[in-house]
Amino acid sequence: MEQGVLFAVPQEVVEHIRSLPMEARPVYISEELEDLYFEDYPERTAELDTAWDIIHRALTDGSLCFDCKDYPLGGVVLGGEVLYYDGEEYDDYIITAKPPLMAAELAKELENLTKAKFKRGFDSIDESYPEPLSKEDMEESWEYLQDALPFFRHAAKQGLWVLFTC
């Protein structure tokens, strides 16, 4: 499974990604954006590692969905505009973009999320998850999500878009 990363970016970056041909979008992320943000803007990055999938499922109905009914928390990972992924030709990578207002709403919701509520979501992850889950998976996913909270606060305060990539 691919490692997930969140980036807080200005609107111009989102517009640039939209202007690229579909097949060039993951290349731009991996060859230009990642190096720049990890080196020069660490406060604008949050790594979710492979826990992104569990985090997403725990905040939604337990499945892997893009148009989740469990908004706003369902938007933390795969929510927002899908910039790369169609489930067929372009299914090797995922890029989603959340506008600043959504990022601010997510920051607020994440501040109020309890570990108990997250655990209830974790316990509802459906059988489409590819492997058995453990208590360690739950704890690790919760920690990654907690580590991402300052990132969401920063994005909200600065009025930045949030990209999810994996």
Protein backbone atom coordinates (compact mmCIF):
# COMPACT_ATOMS: atom_id res chain seq x y z
CA MET A 1 0.00 0.00 0.00
CA GLU A 2 1.19 3.49 -0.84
CA GLN A 3 2.07 6.03 1.83
CA GLY A 4 -0.31 8.96 2.17
CA VAL A 5 0.82 12.56 2.58
CA LEU A 6 -1.08 15.79 3.17
CA PHE A 7 0.18 19.09 1.75
CA ALA A 8 -1.15 22.58 2.57
CA VAL A 9 -0.77 24.59 -0.63
CA PRO A 10 -1.90 27.92 -2.07
CA GLN A 11 -4.61 27.97 -4.71
CA GLU A 12 -2.02 28.50 -7.46
CA VAL A 13 -0.62 25.01 -6.84
CA VAL A 14 -4.07 23.45 -7.19
CA GLU A 15 -4.66 25.43 -10.38
CA HIS A 16 -1.29 24.28 -11.72
CA ILE A 17 -2.15 20.64 -11.01
CA ARG A 18 -5.51 21.08 -12.76
CA SER A 19 -3.71 22.52 -15.80
CA LEU A 20 -1.46 19.48 -16.16
CA PRO A 21 -2.42 16.49 -18.29
CA MET A 22 -3.82 13.76 -16.07
CA GLU A 23 -0.80 11.47 -16.45
CA ALA A 24 1.60 14.29 -15.43
CA ARG A 25 -0.07 15.06 -12.12
CA PRO A 26 1.53 12.32 -9.97
CA VAL A 27 4.92 13.12 -11.51
CA TYR A 28 4.56 16.77 -10.49
CA ILE A 29 3.68 15.74 -6.92
CA SER A 30 6.53 13.25 -6.55
CA GLU A 31 9.25 15.10 -8.45
CA GLU A 32 8.56 18.73 -7.57
CA LEU A 33 6.07 19.29 -4.79
CA GLU A 34 7.28 16.64 -2.33
CA ASP A 35 10.91 17.76 -2.24
CA LEU A 36 10.02 21.43 -2.00
CA TYR A 37 7.47 21.01 0.79
CA PHE A 38 9.37 18.48 2.88
CA GLU A 39 12.51 20.65 2.76
CA ASP A 40 11.15 24.22 2.79
CA TYR A 41 7.65 23.94 4.31
CA PRO A 42 7.60 21.11 6.86
CA GLU A 43 4.69 22.78 8.70
CA ARG A 44 2.71 22.36 5.48
CA THR A 45 3.12 18.58 5.35
CA ALA A 46 1.68 15.73 7.35
CA GLU A 47 2.57 12.12 6.73
CA LEU A 48 -0.17 9.55 7.19
CA ASP A 49 2.00 6.63 6.04
CA THR A 50 -0.11 3.59 5.14
CA ALA A 51 -2.50 4.43 7.99
CA TRP A 52 -4.37 6.80 5.61
CA ASP A 53 -6.63 3.95 4.50
CA ILE A 54 -7.59 2.97 8.05
CA ILE A 55 -8.04 6.63 9.05
CA HIS A 56 -10.34 7.23 6.10
CA ARG A 57 -12.43 4.14 6.76
CA ALA A 58 -12.67 4.87 10.50
CA LEU A 59 -13.98 8.38 9.76
CA THR A 60 -16.56 7.16 7.23
CA ASP A 61 -18.84 4.16 6.99
CA GLY A 62 -15.94 1.71 7.11
CA SER A 63 -15.49 1.51 3.35
CA LEU A 64 -13.12 3.15 0.88
CA CYS A 65 -15.28 5.86 -0.69
CA PHE A 66 -14.73 9.23 -2.33
CA ASP A 67 -18.22 10.67 -2.02
CA CYS A 68 -18.67 9.78 1.64
CA LYS A 69 -21.89 10.60 3.38
CA ASP A 70 -20.03 11.01 6.68
CA TYR A 71 -19.06 14.61 6.04
CA PRO A 72 -17.21 16.50 7.32
CA LEU A 73 -14.92 13.89 8.90
CA GLY A 74 -15.33 11.69 5.84
CA GLY A 75 -13.50 14.41 3.93
CA VAL A 76 -10.26 14.29 5.92
CA VAL A 77 -8.47 11.95 3.51
CA LEU A 78 -10.38 11.34 0.27
CA GLY A 79 -12.75 14.27 0.48
CA GLY A 80 -12.72 17.23 -1.84
CA GLU A 81 -12.06 17.46 -5.55
CA VAL A 82 -10.51 14.34 -7.07
CA LEU A 83 -7.56 15.53 -9.16
CA TYR A 84 -6.22 12.10 -10.01
CA TYR A 85 -8.04 8.77 -9.83
CA ASP A 86 -10.76 7.27 -11.94
CA GLY A 87 -10.74 3.68 -10.76
CA GLU A 88 -9.75 2.47 -14.21
CA GLU A 89 -7.03 4.08 -16.32
CA TYR A 90 -5.74 6.41 -13.56
CA ASP A 91 -6.00 4.16 -10.52
CA ASP A 92 -2.33 3.88 -9.57
CA TYR A 93 -2.25 7.07 -7.48
CA ILE A 94 -4.73 9.34 -5.70
CA ILE A 95 -4.75 13.14 -5.47
CA THR A 96 -7.59 15.03 -3.82
CA ALA A 97 -7.86 18.75 -3.03
CA LYS A 98 -9.86 20.34 -0.23
CA PRO A 99 -10.56 24.09 -0.45
CA PRO A 100 -9.61 26.35 2.48
CA LEU A 101 -13.12 26.50 3.95
CA MET A 102 -13.29 22.71 3.99
CA ALA A 103 -9.83 22.53 5.56
CA ALA A 104 -10.99 24.92 8.31
CA GLU A 105 -14.11 22.86 8.93
CA LEU A 106 -12.03 19.68 9.10
CA ALA A 107 -9.63 21.26 11.60
CA LYS A 108 -12.56 22.14 13.85
CA GLU A 109 -14.09 18.68 13.56
CA LEU A 110 -10.79 16.94 14.24
CA GLU A 111 -10.28 19.02 17.39
CA ASN A 112 -13.56 17.64 18.70
CA LEU A 113 -12.97 14.02 17.65
CA THR A 114 -12.49 11.70 20.59
CA LYS A 115 -10.45 8.55 20.58
CA ALA A 116 -13.57 6.62 21.58
CA LYS A 117 -15.48 7.87 18.52
CA PHE A 118 -12.52 7.06 16.28
CA LYS A 119 -12.38 3.56 17.78
CA ARG A 120 -16.08 3.02 17.03
CA GLY A 121 -15.34 3.92 13.43
CA PHE A 122 -12.27 1.67 13.41
CA ASP A 123 -14.40 -1.21 14.69
CA SER A 124 -16.85 -0.67 11.79
CA ILE A 125 -14.26 -1.07 9.01
CA ASP A 126 -15.78 -3.47 6.55
CA GLU A 127 -14.44 -6.67 5.04
CA SER A 128 -13.09 -4.85 1.97
CA TYR A 129 -10.01 -3.89 4.01
CA PRO A 130 -7.29 -6.21 2.67
CA GLU A 131 -5.99 -7.65 5.94
CA PRO A 132 -7.01 -8.31 9.56
CA LEU A 133 -6.74 -5.26 11.82
CA SER A 134 -5.17 -5.20 15.27
CA LYS A 135 -5.19 -2.99 18.33
CA GLU A 136 -1.78 -1.73 17.17
CA ASP A 137 -3.33 -0.65 13.85
CA MET A 138 -5.95 1.31 15.76
CA GLU A 139 -3.35 3.02 17.98
CA GLU A 140 -1.00 3.81 15.09
CA SER A 141 -3.83 5.27 12.99
CA TRP A 142 -5.04 7.41 15.88
CA GLU A 143 -1.50 8.74 16.42
CA TYR A 144 -1.07 9.66 12.75
CA LEU A 145 -4.41 11.46 12.86
CA GLN A 146 -3.42 13.34 16.01
CA ASP A 147 -0.10 14.28 14.42
CA ALA A 148 -2.06 15.72 11.45
CA LEU A 149 -4.17 18.02 13.65
CA PRO A 150 -1.57 20.85 13.85
CA PHE A 151 -1.24 20.58 10.06
CA PHE A 152 -4.99 21.11 9.58
CA ARG A 153 -4.95 24.01 12.06
CA HIS A 154 -2.08 25.62 10.12
CA ALA A 155 -3.83 25.14 6.76
CA ALA A 156 -7.02 26.63 8.18
CA LYS A 157 -5.24 29.61 9.73
CA GLN A 158 -3.31 30.35 6.54
CA GLY A 159 -6.28 29.82 4.19
CA LEU A 160 -4.53 27.05 2.29
CA TRP A 161 -5.85 24.16 0.23
CA VAL A 162 -5.17 20.63 1.51
CA LEU A 163 -3.93 18.04 -0.94
CA PHE A 164 -3.99 14.36 -0.11
CA THR A 165 -1.66 12.19 -2.17
CA CYS A 166 -0.74 8.53 -2.15
